[in-house]
Every structure is written in C-alpha cells, then in structure tokens.
C-alpha atoms as a PDB file:
ATOM      1  CA  MET A   1      31.633  23.890  -7.155  1.00  0.00           C
ATOM      2  CA  ASP A   2      30.918  20.110  -7.442  1.00  0.00           C
ATOM      3  CA  ASP A   3      33.817  17.726  -7.790  1.00  0.00           C
ATOM      4  CA  THR A   4      35.374  18.839 -11.022  1.00  0.00           C
ATOM      5  CA  LEU A   5      37.568  17.371 -13.761  1.00  0.00           C
ATOM      6  CA  PHE A   6      40.026  20.011 -14.886  1.00  0.00           C
ATOM      7  CA  VAL A   7      41.244  19.539 -18.482  1.00  0.00           C
ATOM      8  CA  LEU A   8      44.439  21.581 -19.006  1.00  0.00           C
ATOM      9  CA  GLY A   9      46.353  22.369 -22.187  1.00  0.00           C
ATOM     10  CA  ASN A  10      49.408  24.435 -22.896  1.00  0.00           C
ATOM     11  CA  GLY A  11      47.523  27.624 -22.309  1.00  0.00           C
ATOM     12  CA  PHE A  12      47.608  26.816 -18.598  1.00  0.00           C
ATOM     13  CA  ASP A  13      51.400  26.706 -18.572  1.00  0.00           C
ATOM     14  CA  ILE A  14      51.542  29.923 -20.677  1.00  0.00           C
ATOM     15  CA  HIS A  15      49.110  31.612 -18.262  1.00  0.00           C
ATOM     16  CA  SER A  16      51.510  30.668 -15.444  1.00  0.00           C
ATOM     17  CA  CYS A  17      54.252  32.454 -17.420  1.00  0.00           C
ATOM     18  CA  LEU A  18      56.159  29.321 -18.374  1.00  0.00           C
ATOM     19  CA  PRO A  19      58.048  29.439 -21.771  1.00  0.00           C
ATOM     20  CA  THR A  20      56.136  26.645 -23.349  1.00  0.00           C
ATOM     21  CA  ARG A  21      54.967  28.022 -26.651  1.00  0.00           C
ATOM     22  CA  PHE A  22      55.855  26.059 -29.850  1.00  0.00           C
ATOM     23  CA  CYS A  23      57.851  28.979 -31.073  1.00  0.00           C
ATOM     24  CA  GLN A  24      60.025  28.794 -27.919  1.00  0.00           C
ATOM     25  CA  PHE A  25      60.745  25.113 -28.621  1.00  0.00           C
ATOM     26  CA  ARG A  26      61.618  25.979 -32.177  1.00  0.00           C
ATOM     27  CA  LYS A  27      63.992  28.721 -30.986  1.00  0.00           C
ATOM     28  CA  PHE A  28      65.629  26.204 -28.616  1.00  0.00           C
ATOM     29  CA  VAL A  29      66.193  23.770 -31.472  1.00  0.00           C
ATOM     30  CA  CYS A  30      67.395  26.484 -33.902  1.00  0.00           C
ATOM     31  CA  GLU A  31      70.018  27.679 -31.447  1.00  0.00           C
ATOM     32  CA  ARG A  32      71.340  24.196 -30.814  1.00  0.00           C
ATOM     33  CA  ALA A  33      71.502  23.623 -34.547  1.00  0.00           C
ATOM     34  CA  ASP A  34      73.312  27.013 -34.867  1.00  0.00           C
ATOM     35  CA  ILE A  35      70.795  28.591 -37.208  1.00  0.00           C
ATOM     36  CA  ASN A  36      68.877  31.891 -36.910  1.00  0.00           C
ATOM     37  CA  PRO A  37      65.544  31.261 -35.160  1.00  0.00           C
ATOM     38  CA  GLY A  38      64.114  34.484 -36.627  1.00  0.00           C
ATOM     39  CA  ARG A  39      64.121  33.101 -40.284  1.00  0.00           C
ATOM     40  CA  VAL A  40      61.732  30.783 -42.053  1.00  0.00           C
ATOM     41  CA  TYR A  41      63.719  27.823 -43.452  1.00  0.00           C
ATOM     42  CA  ASN A  42      61.857  26.541 -46.444  1.00  0.00           C
ATOM     43  CA  ASP A  43      64.824  26.518 -48.863  1.00  0.00           C
ATOM     44  CA  MET A  44      67.109  23.449 -48.540  1.00  0.00           C
ATOM     45  CA  ASP A  45      69.873  25.160 -50.514  1.00  0.00           C
ATOM     46  CA  LYS A  46      69.950  28.091 -48.026  1.00  0.00           C
ATOM     47  CA  LEU A  47      69.832  25.793 -45.020  1.00  0.00           C
ATOM     48  CA  PHE A  48      72.622  23.510 -46.426  1.00  0.00           C
ATOM     49  CA  PRO A  49      74.511  25.936 -48.796  1.00  0.00           C
ATOM     50  CA  GLU A  50      77.592  23.793 -49.166  1.00  0.00           C
ATOM     51  CA  SER A  51      77.024  20.182 -48.425  1.00  0.00           C
ATOM     52  CA  MET A  52      74.653  17.626 -46.970  1.00  0.00           C
ATOM     53  CA  ASN A  53      77.515  15.899 -45.123  1.00  0.00           C
ATOM     54  CA  PHE A  54      75.864  15.094 -41.787  1.00  0.00           C
ATOM     55  CA  GLN A  55      79.201  14.008 -40.231  1.00  0.00           C
ATOM     56  CA  GLN A  56      80.705  17.486 -40.301  1.00  0.00           C
ATOM     57  CA  ASP A  57      79.057  20.210 -38.234  1.00  0.00           C
ATOM     58  CA  PRO A  58      81.621  22.015 -35.995  1.00  0.00           C
ATOM     59  CA  LYS A  59      79.070  24.098 -34.049  1.00  0.00           C
ATOM     60  CA  GLY A  60      75.906  21.964 -34.003  1.00  0.00           C
ATOM     61  CA  GLY A  61      77.644  18.517 -33.542  1.00  0.00           C
ATOM     62  CA  LEU A  62      75.565  15.596 -34.834  1.00  0.00           C
ATOM     63  CA  ASN A  63      72.358  17.010 -33.542  1.00  0.00           C
ATOM     64  CA  GLY A  64      72.610  20.134 -35.613  1.00  0.00           C
ATOM     65  CA  PRO A  65      72.168  18.556 -39.054  1.00  0.00           C
ATOM     66  CA  TYR A  66      69.475  16.256 -37.975  1.00  0.00           C
ATOM     67  CA  MET A  67      67.455  19.057 -36.446  1.00  0.00           C
ATOM     68  CA  LYS A  68      68.035  21.323 -39.409  1.00  0.00           C
ATOM     69  CA  ILE A  69      66.041  18.860 -41.428  1.00  0.00           C
ATOM     70  CA  TRP A  70      63.185  19.031 -39.008  1.00  0.00           C
ATOM     71  CA  ILE A  71      63.251  22.789 -38.931  1.00  0.00           C
ATOM     72  CA  TYR A  72      62.993  22.809 -42.748  1.00  0.00           C
ATOM     73  CA  LEU A  73      60.141  20.224 -42.734  1.00  0.00           C
ATOM     74  CA  LEU A  74      58.164  22.110 -40.017  1.00  0.00           C
ATOM     75  CA  ASP A  75      58.742  25.478 -41.576  1.00  0.00           C
ATOM     76  CA  SER A  76      57.721  24.283 -44.975  1.00  0.00           C
ATOM     77  CA  ALA A  77      54.563  22.604 -43.629  1.00  0.00           C
ATOM     78  CA  SER A  78      53.254  25.590 -41.559  1.00  0.00           C
ATOM     79  CA  LYS A  79      49.821  26.514 -42.822  1.00  0.00           C
ATOM     80  CA  GLU A  80      48.050  29.094 -40.752  1.00  0.00           C
ATOM     81  CA  CYS A  81      51.115  30.969 -39.576  1.00  0.00           C
ATOM     82  CA  SER A  82      54.902  30.856 -39.825  1.00  0.00           C
ATOM     83  CA  ALA A  83      56.670  28.292 -37.577  1.00  0.00           C
ATOM     84  CA  TYR A  84      58.284  30.913 -35.274  1.00  0.00           C
ATOM     85  CA  ASP A  85      55.018  32.963 -34.932  1.00  0.00           C
ATOM     86  CA  PRO A  86      54.040  33.239 -31.175  1.00  0.00           C
ATOM     87  CA  ASP A  87      50.388  32.341 -32.211  1.00  0.00           C
ATOM     88  CA  LYS A  88      51.407  28.952 -33.646  1.00  0.00           C
ATOM     89  CA  TYR A  89      49.997  26.267 -31.279  1.00  0.00           C
ATOM     90  CA  TRP A  90      51.197  22.802 -30.500  1.00  0.00           C
ATOM     91  CA  ALA A  91      47.990  21.644 -32.167  1.00  0.00           C
ATOM     92  CA  ASP A  92      49.272  23.325 -35.389  1.00  0.00           C
ATOM     93  CA  PHE A  93      52.601  21.491 -35.012  1.00  0.00           C
ATOM     94  CA  GLU A  94      50.828  18.159 -34.603  1.00  0.00           C
ATOM     95  CA  GLU A  95      48.648  18.878 -37.734  1.00  0.00           C
ATOM     96  CA  ASP A  96      51.801  19.812 -39.633  1.00  0.00           C
ATOM     97  CA  LEU A  97      53.265  16.371 -38.890  1.00  0.00           C
ATOM     98  CA  GLY A  98      50.547  14.818 -41.002  1.00  0.00           C
ATOM     99  CA  GLY A  99      51.649  16.588 -44.093  1.00  0.00           C
ATOM    100  CA  LEU A 100      55.410  17.201 -43.924  1.00  0.00           C
ATOM    101  CA  PRO A 101      57.098  17.647 -47.361  1.00  0.00           C
ATOM    102  CA  TYR A 102      59.493  14.655 -46.868  1.00  0.00           C
ATOM    103  CA  GLU A 103      59.911  14.347 -50.610  1.00  0.00           C
ATOM    104  CA  ASP A 104      61.619  17.729 -50.615  1.00  0.00           C
ATOM    105  CA  VAL A 105      64.547  16.439 -48.693  1.00  0.00           C
ATOM    106  CA  LEU A 106      64.954  13.154 -50.485  1.00  0.00           C
ATOM    107  CA  ASP A 107      67.083  13.011 -53.608  1.00  0.00           C
ATOM    108  CA  GLN A 108      65.140  11.287 -56.397  1.00  0.00           C
ATOM    109  CA  PRO A 109      67.225   8.365 -57.641  1.00  0.00           C
ATOM    110  CA  GLU A 110      67.907   7.662 -61.308  1.00  0.00           C
ATOM    111  CA  ILE A 111      65.816   4.746 -62.365  1.00  0.00           C
ATOM    112  CA  GLN A 112      67.862   1.604 -62.825  1.00  0.00           C
ATOM    113  CA  PHE A 113      66.910  -1.168 -65.326  1.00  0.00           C
ATOM    114  CA  ASP A 114      67.642  -4.875 -65.487  1.00  0.00           C
ATOM    115  CA  SER A 115      69.094  -6.793 -68.387  1.00  0.00           C
ATOM    116  CA  GLU A 116      65.640  -7.081 -70.032  1.00  0.00           C
ATOM    117  CA  GLY A 117      65.015  -3.373 -69.911  1.00  0.00           C
ATOM    118  CA  ASP A 118      62.493  -3.467 -66.972  1.00  0.00           C
ATOM    119  CA  GLU A 119      62.842  -1.201 -63.998  1.00  0.00           C
ATOM    120  CA  ASP A 120      64.791  -2.808 -61.123  1.00  0.00           C
ATOM    121  CA  PRO A 121      63.516  -1.339 -57.867  1.00  0.00           C
ATOM    122  CA  PHE A 122      66.306  -2.919 -55.834  1.00  0.00           C
ATOM    123  CA  GLN A 123      69.111  -1.324 -57.908  1.00  0.00           C
ATOM    124  CA  THR A 124      67.169   1.911 -57.950  1.00  0.00           C
ATOM    125  CA  GLY A 125      66.929   1.865 -54.203  1.00  0.00           C
ATOM    126  CA  GLU A 126      70.683   1.267 -53.989  1.00  0.00           C
ATOM    127  CA  ALA A 127      71.325   4.089 -56.336  1.00  0.00           C
ATOM    128  CA  SER A 128      69.322   6.574 -54.188  1.00  0.00           C
ATOM    129  CA  GLN A 129      71.452   8.938 -52.236  1.00  0.00           C
ATOM    130  CA  SER A 130      68.459  10.026 -50.117  1.00  0.00           C
ATOM    131  CA  MET A 131      68.519  11.421 -46.659  1.00  0.00           C
ATOM    132  CA  GLU A 132      66.094   8.945 -45.153  1.00  0.00           C
ATOM    133  CA  GLN A 133      68.456   7.910 -42.445  1.00  0.00           C
ATOM    134  CA  TYR A 134      68.531  11.429 -41.114  1.00  0.00           C
ATOM    135  CA  ILE A 135      64.793  11.971 -40.634  1.00  0.00           C
ATOM    136  CA  SER A 136      64.797  10.601 -37.112  1.00  0.00           C
ATOM    137  CA  VAL A 137      61.585  10.918 -35.093  1.00  0.00           C
ATOM    138  CA  ASN A 138      63.617   9.786 -32.074  1.00  0.00           C
ATOM    139  CA  MET A 139      65.823  12.790 -32.539  1.00  0.00           C
ATOM    140  CA  LEU A 140      62.843  15.148 -32.518  1.00  0.00           C
ATOM    141  CA  THR A 141      61.557  13.473 -29.336  1.00  0.00           C
ATOM    142  CA  LYS A 142      65.014  13.800 -27.708  1.00  0.00           C
ATOM    143  CA  GLU A 143      65.147  17.510 -28.386  1.00  0.00           C
ATOM    144  CA  LEU A 144      61.546  17.950 -27.088  1.00  0.00           C
ATOM    145  CA  ARG A 145      62.451  16.155 -23.845  1.00  0.00           C
ATOM    146  CA  GLU A 146      65.678  18.172 -23.332  1.00  0.00           C
ATOM    147  CA  TRP A 147      63.710  21.396 -23.984  1.00  0.00           C
ATOM    148  CA  ILE A 148      61.082  20.402 -21.327  1.00  0.00           C
ATOM    149  CA  GLU A 149      63.904  19.731 -18.841  1.00  0.00           C
ATOM    150  CA  ASN A 150      65.047  23.328 -19.392  1.00  0.00           C
ATOM    151  CA  VAL A 151      61.539  24.642 -18.919  1.00  0.00           C
ATOM    152  CA  GLU A 152      61.261  22.693 -15.718  1.00  0.00           C
ATOM    153  CA  GLU A 153      63.978  24.927 -14.306  1.00  0.00           C
ATOM    154  CA  THR A 154      61.732  28.011 -14.680  1.00  0.00           C
ATOM    155  CA  SER A 155      59.586  29.156 -11.761  1.00  0.00           C
ATOM    156  CA  PRO A 156      56.066  30.023 -12.876  1.00  0.00           C
ATOM    157  CA  GLU A 157      53.786  32.762 -11.551  1.00  0.00           C
ATOM    158  CA  ILE A 158      51.111  31.001  -9.563  1.00  0.00           C
ATOM    159  CA  ASP A 159      47.548  32.099 -10.303  1.00  0.00           C
ATOM    160  CA  LYS A 160      45.851  32.307  -6.886  1.00  0.00           C
ATOM    161  CA  ASN A 161      42.343  32.205  -8.401  1.00  0.00           C
ATOM    162  CA  LEU A 162      43.167  28.943 -10.255  1.00  0.00           C
ATOM    163  CA  ALA A 163      44.926  27.550  -7.197  1.00  0.00           C
ATOM    164  CA  GLU A 164      41.725  28.112  -5.154  1.00  0.00           C
ATOM    165  CA  ARG A 165      39.654  26.436  -7.828  1.00  0.00           C
ATOM    166  CA  PHE A 166      41.899  23.473  -7.841  1.00  0.00           C
ATOM    167  CA  LYS A 167      41.385  22.685  -4.230  1.00  0.00           C
ATOM    168  CA  GLY A 168      39.493  19.500  -3.422  1.00  0.00           C
ATOM    169  CA  HIS A 169      40.772  15.989  -2.782  1.00  0.00           C
ATOM    170  CA  ASN A 170      38.107  14.533  -5.092  1.00  0.00           C
ATOM    171  CA  ASN A 171      38.972  16.811  -8.011  1.00  0.00           C
ATOM    172  CA  MET A 172      40.618  15.204 -11.028  1.00  0.00           C
ATOM    173  CA  PHE A 173      43.089  16.638 -13.515  1.00  0.00           C
ATOM    174  CA  LEU A 174      43.715  15.635 -17.125  1.00  0.00           C
ATOM    175  CA  SER A 175      46.865  17.333 -18.343  1.00  0.00           C
ATOM    176  CA  PHE A 176      47.949  17.500 -21.975  1.00  0.00           C
ATOM    177  CA  ASN A 177      51.178  19.188 -20.885  1.00  0.00           C
ATOM    178  CA  TYR A 178      54.571  17.542 -20.513  1.00  0.00           C
ATOM    179  CA  THR A 179      55.402  19.646 -17.454  1.00  0.00           C
ATOM    180  CA  ASN A 180      54.521  18.857 -13.844  1.00  0.00           C
ATOM    181  CA  THR A 181      53.351  22.364 -13.050  1.00  0.00           C
ATOM    182  CA  LEU A 182      50.300  21.110 -11.205  1.00  0.00           C
ATOM    183  CA  GLU A 183      52.158  18.808  -8.867  1.00  0.00           C
ATOM    184  CA  LYS A 184      55.293  20.947  -8.277  1.00  0.00           C
ATOM    185  CA  TRP A 185      53.886  24.474  -8.136  1.00  0.00           C
ATOM    186  CA  TYR A 186      50.131  24.164  -7.442  1.00  0.00           C
ATOM    187  CA  GLY A 187      50.469  21.496  -4.769  1.00  0.00           C
ATOM    188  CA  ILE A 188      48.180  18.933  -6.474  1.00  0.00           C
ATOM    189  CA  ASP A 189      48.694  15.326  -5.328  1.00  0.00           C
ATOM    190  CA  TYR A 190      50.158  13.294  -8.171  1.00  0.00           C
ATOM    191  CA  THR A 191      47.431  10.711  -7.724  1.00  0.00           C
ATOM    192  CA  GLN A 192      44.887  13.273  -8.932  1.00  0.00           C
ATOM    193  CA  VAL A 193      46.697  14.073 -12.129  1.00  0.00           C
ATOM    194  CA  THR A 194      46.632  12.044 -15.368  1.00  0.00           C
ATOM    195  CA  HIS A 195      49.330  13.133 -17.932  1.00  0.00           C
ATOM    196  CA  ILE A 196      47.699  11.684 -20.975  1.00  0.00           C
ATOM    197  CA  HIS A 197      50.753  12.238 -23.215  1.00  0.00           C
ATOM    198  CA  GLY A 198      53.513  11.715 -20.644  1.00  0.00           C
ATOM    199  CA  PHE A 199      55.671  14.168 -18.719  1.00  0.00           C
ATOM    200  CA  VAL A 200      59.148  15.104 -17.606  1.00  0.00           C
ATOM    201  CA  ASP A 201      60.066  15.427 -13.964  1.00  0.00           C
ATOM    202  CA  ASN A 202      63.573  16.684 -13.265  1.00  0.00           C
ATOM    203  CA  GLU A 203      63.355  16.034  -9.493  1.00  0.00           C
ATOM    204  CA  THR A 204      62.235  12.448  -9.502  1.00  0.00           C
ATOM    205  CA  GLN A 205      63.494  11.495 -12.945  1.00  0.00           C
ATOM    206  CA  VAL A 206      60.371   9.480 -13.406  1.00  0.00           C
ATOM    207  CA  PRO A 207      60.799   7.816 -16.923  1.00  0.00           C
ATOM    208  CA  ASP A 208      57.825   8.404 -19.132  1.00  0.00           C
ATOM    209  CA  THR A 209      57.185   8.394 -22.866  1.00  0.00           C
ATOM    210  CA  ILE A 210      56.597  11.753 -24.564  1.00  0.00           C
ATOM    211  CA  ILE A 211      53.720  11.366 -26.986  1.00  0.00           C
ATOM    212  CA  PHE A 212      52.844  13.635 -29.868  1.00  0.00           C
ATOM    213  CA  GLY A 213      51.523  13.160 -33.342  1.00  0.00           C
ATOM    214  CA  HIS A 214      48.929  13.789 -36.053  1.00  0.00           C
ATOM    215  CA  LYS A 215      45.586  12.299 -36.924  1.00  0.00           C
ATOM    216  CA  ASP A 216      45.730  11.135 -40.540  1.00  0.00           C
ATOM    217  CA  ASN A 217      48.199   9.426 -42.778  1.00  0.00           C
ATOM    218  CA  ASP A 218      49.253  10.863 -46.074  1.00  0.00           C
ATOM    219  CA  SER A 219      50.205   8.761 -49.091  1.00  0.00           C
ATOM    220  CA  TYR A 220      53.465   9.480 -50.920  1.00  0.00           C
ATOM    221  CA  ASN A 221      54.033   9.307 -54.594  1.00  0.00           C
ATOM    222  CA  MET A 222      57.726   8.491 -54.586  1.00  0.00           C
ATOM    223  CA  PRO A 223      60.027   5.817 -55.929  1.00  0.00           C
ATOM    224  CA  ALA A 224      60.610   2.649 -53.804  1.00  0.00           C
ATOM    225  CA  PRO A 225      62.098   2.366 -51.270  1.00  0.00           C
ATOM    226  CA  SER A 226      61.510   5.935 -50.318  1.00  0.00           C
ATOM    227  CA  GLU A 227      57.705   5.656 -50.445  1.00  0.00           C
ATOM    228  CA  GLU A 228      57.799   2.774 -48.013  1.00  0.00           C
ATOM    229  CA  TYR A 229      60.198   4.528 -45.669  1.00  0.00           C
ATOM    230  CA  MET A 230      58.040   7.635 -45.674  1.00  0.00           C
ATOM    231  CA  SER A 231      55.082   5.502 -44.825  1.00  0.00           C
ATOM    232  CA  ASP A 232      57.010   4.193 -41.782  1.00  0.00           C
ATOM    233  CA  ILE A 233      57.883   7.720 -40.697  1.00  0.00           C
ATOM    234  CA  ASP A 234      54.250   8.702 -41.035  1.00  0.00           C
ATOM    235  CA  GLN A 235      53.275   5.826 -38.828  1.00  0.00           C
ATOM    236  CA  GLU A 236      55.873   6.958 -36.181  1.00  0.00           C
ATOM    237  CA  THR A 237      54.324  10.457 -36.093  1.00  0.00           C
ATOM    238  CA  LEU A 238      50.725   9.167 -35.963  1.00  0.00           C
ATOM    239  CA  LYS A 239      49.267   9.666 -32.498  1.00  0.00           C
ATOM    240  CA  PRO A 240      47.841   6.312 -31.268  1.00  0.00           C
ATOM    241  CA  VAL A 241      44.771   7.968 -29.569  1.00  0.00           C
ATOM    242  CA  LEU A 242      42.738   4.780 -29.125  1.00  0.00           C
ATOM    243  CA  ASP A 243      45.774   2.922 -27.644  1.00  0.00           C
ATOM    244  CA  ILE A 244      46.371   5.782 -25.285  1.00  0.00           C
ATOM    245  CA  ILE A 245      42.736   5.696 -24.135  1.00  0.00           C
ATOM    246  CA  SER A 246      42.974   2.035 -23.574  1.00  0.00           C
ATOM    247  CA  LYS A 247      46.184   2.431 -21.537  1.00  0.00           C
ATOM    248  CA  HIS A 248      44.351   5.024 -19.321  1.00  0.00           C
ATOM    249  CA  GLU A 249      41.106   3.123 -18.935  1.00  0.00           C
ATOM    250  CA  TYR A 250      41.487   3.468 -15.207  1.00  0.00           C
ATOM    251  CA  PHE A 251      41.067   7.220 -15.581  1.00  0.00           C
ATOM    252  CA  TYR A 252      37.709   6.881 -17.275  1.00  0.00           C
ATOM    253  CA  LYS A 253      36.589   4.275 -14.815  1.00  0.00           C
ATOM    254  CA  ASN A 254      37.327   6.719 -12.008  1.00  0.00           C
ATOM    255  CA  ILE A 255      35.155   9.316 -13.680  1.00  0.00           C
ATOM    256  CA  MET A 256      32.221   6.777 -13.819  1.00  0.00           C
ATOM    257  CA  ALA A 257      32.748   5.898 -10.209  1.00  0.00           C
ATOM    258  CA  SER A 258      32.865   9.496  -8.991  1.00  0.00           C
ATOM    259  CA  ASN A 259      30.217  12.138  -8.326  1.00  0.00           C
ATOM    260  CA  LEU A 260      31.733  14.268 -11.037  1.00  0.00           C
ATOM    261  CA  LYS A 261      29.333  16.865 -12.415  1.00  0.00           C
ATOM    262  CA  SER A 262      31.537  19.648 -13.667  1.00  0.00           C
ATOM    263  CA  LEU A 263      34.262  19.943 -16.396  1.00  0.00           C
ATOM    264  CA  PHE A 264      36.663  22.856 -16.423  1.00  0.00           C
ATOM    265  CA  PHE A 265      38.659  23.445 -19.672  1.00  0.00           C
ATOM    266  CA  TYR A 266      41.552  25.724 -19.375  1.00  0.00           C
ATOM    267  CA  GLY A 267      44.173  26.487 -22.082  1.00  0.00           C
ATOM    268  CA  PHE A 268      42.919  23.497 -24.087  1.00  0.00           C
ATOM    269  CA  SER A 269      42.810  23.988 -27.851  1.00  0.00           C
ATOM    270  CA  PHE A 270      40.116  21.358 -28.742  1.00  0.00           C
ATOM    271  CA  SER A 271      42.194  19.996 -31.629  1.00  0.00           C
ATOM    272  CA  GLU A 272      40.622  17.277 -33.787  1.00  0.00           C
ATOM    273  CA  VAL A 273      43.299  14.761 -32.984  1.00  0.00           C
ATOM    274  CA  ASP A 274      42.501  14.970 -29.240  1.00  0.00           C
ATOM    275  CA  SER A 275      38.706  14.917 -29.601  1.00  0.00           C
ATOM    276  CA  PRO A 276      38.319  11.172 -28.809  1.00  0.00           C
ATOM    277  CA  TYR A 277      39.704  11.787 -25.289  1.00  0.00           C
ATOM    278  CA  ILE A 278      37.014  14.430 -24.617  1.00  0.00           C
ATOM    279  CA  GLU A 279      34.169  12.407 -26.118  1.00  0.00           C
ATOM    280  CA  LYS A 280      35.177   9.429 -23.908  1.00  0.00           C
ATOM    281  CA  ILE A 281      35.126  11.710 -20.791  1.00  0.00           C
ATOM    282  CA  LEU A 282      31.600  12.945 -21.667  1.00  0.00           C
ATOM    283  CA  LYS A 283      30.477   9.274 -22.199  1.00  0.00           C
ATOM    284  CA  SER A 284      31.893   8.385 -18.768  1.00  0.00           C
ATOM    285  CA  ILE A 285      30.102  11.134 -16.715  1.00  0.00           C
ATOM    286  CA  THR A 286      27.116   9.772 -14.935  1.00  0.00           C
ATOM    287  CA  THR A 287      25.172  12.995 -14.711  1.00  0.00           C
ATOM    288  CA  SER A 288      22.863  13.871 -17.684  1.00  0.00           C
ATOM    289  CA  LYS A 289      23.307  17.722 -17.042  1.00  0.00           C
ATOM    290  CA  PRO A 290      27.059  18.412 -16.809  1.00  0.00           C
ATOM    291  CA  ILE A 291      28.231  21.964 -15.947  1.00  0.00           C
ATOM    292  CA  ILE A 292      31.027  22.922 -18.346  1.00  0.00           C
ATOM    293  CA  TYR A 293      33.371  25.875 -17.842  1.00  0.00           C
ATOM    294  CA  ILE A 294      35.634  27.089 -20.653  1.00  0.00           C
ATOM    295  CA  ASN A 295      38.144  29.820 -20.480  1.00  0.00           C
ATOM    296  CA  LYS A 296      37.493  32.579 -22.904  1.00  0.00           C
ATOM    297  CA  MET A 297      40.564  32.009 -25.162  1.00  0.00           C
ATOM    298  CA  SER A 298      39.182  28.568 -26.052  1.00  0.00           C
ATOM    299  CA  PHE A 299      35.505  29.306 -25.650  1.00  0.00           C
ATOM    300  CA  GLU A 300      34.406  29.617 -29.297  1.00  0.00           C
ATOM    301  CA  ALA A 301      36.071  26.399 -30.551  1.00  0.00           C
ATOM    302  CA  GLY A 302      35.173  24.568 -27.304  1.00  0.00           C
ATOM    303  CA  ILE A 303      31.468  25.396 -27.105  1.00  0.00           C
ATOM    304  CA  ASN A 304      30.903  24.586 -30.794  1.00  0.00           C
ATOM    305  CA  TYR A 305      32.536  21.123 -30.402  1.00  0.00           C
ATOM    306  CA  LEU A 306      31.050  20.297 -26.998  1.00  0.00           C
ATOM    307  CA  LYS A 307      27.573  21.281 -27.946  1.00  0.00           C
ATOM    308  CA  HIS A 308      27.736  18.828 -30.843  1.00  0.00           C
ATOM    309  CA  VAL A 309      29.107  15.979 -28.696  1.00  0.00           C
ATOM    310  CA  CYS A 310      26.620  16.576 -25.844  1.00  0.00           C
ATOM    311  CA  ALA A 311      23.720  16.565 -28.261  1.00  0.00           C
ATOM    312  CA  LYS A 312      24.914  13.323 -29.763  1.00  0.00           C
ATOM    313  CA  LEU A 313      25.159  11.740 -26.281  1.00  0.00           C
ATOM    314  CA  GLY A 314      21.858  13.199 -25.021  1.00  0.00           C
ATOM    315  CA  LEU A 315      23.510  15.462 -22.430  1.00  0.00           C
ATOM    316  CA  ASN A 316      21.758  18.611 -21.428  1.00  0.00           C
ATOM    317  CA  ALA A 317      24.921  20.596 -20.584  1.00  0.00           C
ATOM    318  CA  VAL A 318      25.102  24.089 -19.310  1.00  0.00           C
ATOM    319  CA  PHE A 319      28.017  26.111 -20.421  1.00  0.00           C
ATOM    320  CA  TYR A 320      29.942  28.972 -18.614  1.00  0.00           C
ATOM    321  CA  LYS A 321      32.591  31.217 -19.994  1.00  0.00           C
ATOM    322  CA  ILE A 322      35.378  32.152 -17.699  1.00  0.00           C
ATOM    323  CA  SER A 323      36.723  35.655 -18.226  1.00  0.00           C
ATOM    324  CA  ASP A 324      40.493  36.090 -17.443  1.00  0.00           C
ATOM    325  CA  PRO A 325      41.970  37.240 -15.159  1.00  0.00           C
ATOM    326  CA  GLN A 326      38.998  37.897 -12.793  1.00  0.00           C
ATOM    327  CA  PHE A 327      37.356  34.606 -13.495  1.00  0.00           C
ATOM    328  CA  THR A 328      33.909  36.187 -13.937  1.00  0.00           C
ATOM    329  CA  ILE A 329      31.439  33.509 -14.843  1.00  0.00           C
ATOM    330  CA  GLN A 330      28.963  34.147 -17.656  1.00  0.00           C
ATOM    331  CA  VAL A 331      26.335  31.433 -18.323  1.00  0.00           C
ATOM    332  CA  GLN A 332      26.000  30.243 -21.912  1.00  0.00           C
ATOM    333  CA  HIS A 333      22.964  28.043 -22.455  1.00  0.00           C
ATOM    334  CA  PRO A 334      23.115  25.292 -25.054  1.00  0.00           C
ATOM    335  CA  ASP A 335      20.799  27.237 -27.407  1.00  0.00           C
ATOM    336  CA  ASP A 336      22.667  30.618 -27.137  1.00  0.00           C
END
C-alpha cells in the first residue's frame, strides 16, 4: 500500500474489544447516579419522585442529581433507538445534543407585572424556580473524562491484520476517539497520530480538552431569562468544527506535503457534523486519483458521502470495501 491516512472512529476501539459504546458510557453514569441503567428515563416525576433538592442525595452525592438531569435529557431526545440500546452510536448522542428538551426540566415561572400592568421580565426571572443552574455541560464532560480513564484500564484484543496495515513510518492517523489505543497498544508513534477531539492518557496525564457536540442550534420558545440561558447551553454543546480545523492546520499541511495516495476509514460513522474534516482532507490530497478503503460496517454511508465529495472536487477515486475479519478487498468503482 502507498503511504496511507487512517481515519479511525469508535468502531476501531469496539473492534479491539474495548467497552467504548455509548450505552456503556450511559451505564457508567447511571450507576454513579444510583439509577437503573436498564430503564428509559423520560419521565421527570419518576426520576425525581419526591423532590428536586439537589443538595440531598445520600448515594449519588452531588454528581448524582446533576447526571440524572442529563440522563433524562438524553433519554428523551433519543430518536432512532433508545439511549441504552447497544446500536446507539456516539454520532446519535451528538445529534441528540442539538435537540435536547431543556424546557421539560425548567419550571415555567408565573408571569410578573409592573405597576402599570406590563410584564416585568426581571421580576419574572426572579420568580422562576428553574433548574438552569443544574444543567452543567462541564459536569457531562467530567463524567465522560472519568469514564474514559476507566476504559483506559482495559486491555484490548490487538487485531494483527490491522496492526500489519498500520506499519509504516510515513503513515498518518486521524483518530476521533478519546482513547490512546493506537499509541499504547498498537505501537504507533504519537507524532503520527492526530486526536482531533482530544484524548485521555492515564500514563502520562497529558492534559487535553475533550470535545463533543452537535451541528445546529435550536431556538427555544421560553420565557426570559430561560430562553437566553438555553441559548448559552446550546452554544456550549455546539461543536466548533471550523475552529478545530484551524487549530490542526498543521495536520492538513502535512497531508499536502506528503506522498499520500490512500485513505483507510475504519469504524468511522461519517456523521454530518464531522463531514468538514473529511472534505478538508480530500482537498489537501495532491493526487487526483485517491484509493479509498472503507470497512464494511461503514461502507454504505461512507461511499455515498465520499462519491459526492470526490465528484465535487474533481477526484477520480477508486473505492475498496474491506470485509471483516479477513480483510478481503473488493473493488468498488465510482459508478458501481
């Protein structure tokens, strides 16, 4: 194979038998919040049957109530499958973040009026007994980081076929995972790997930002100041893709300066929110006829998207489907 860029998503860690499915993260959070991970929590009254007092939670501590709110929001927003379904992907989670039912967990305040009979938004805001202060994106990020630290203690099953394909000092790796599986277990030099959304490393304790988020903003039809607050939360959960690309401009410059002719997608879901990263890669390749390999689980979504982008960029790509676990290669021409 020519020098290759390997684009790896969560399917790579799952293939290596690491417990990195979204449902496993949800289970981790539920257990820490002392709630049953096998139930769907889309009823606030059942989740908080007695009180919304966030200062009293003998089993879950302060984390418990905060995370119960997130469990409710994520369970309520799940579209294609339930939140604890093994087939729910991280891409589904990020999509859900763009349409969480925040209004369900906010008490609607009684409208307050001034002496002239007009609505007074400031007094209305003070009258609100909302739960805004408890919807903490930082808390969700903290739980995610602690879960990854637990995952890092698990030893994966190394795929020898993949390990052989990874060999090559000029190969490059773009990882969408928060783990350091490539470096720690597959022996890839850290200078070859770009963790586009950050990572956690228990051994070196390298500080890094964990990035996740959705693509689009929603508008909220709620009384002030809740609507403004929800807009702020929405901004916090918006993935700043263009800023991330700018931060990693060196990565794309390295592609342009290399003899890179092949792309290898493994375990990558081709979600819409991450599509700008891939389009930027294809723009950076100097060859007009890239060879693109896609593992079979992602093949249908991947080839449809990549054909469209390649046609737009004038690239005459040749596509190959990789069949697991034997890694049999089947050619798929652009017009197939």
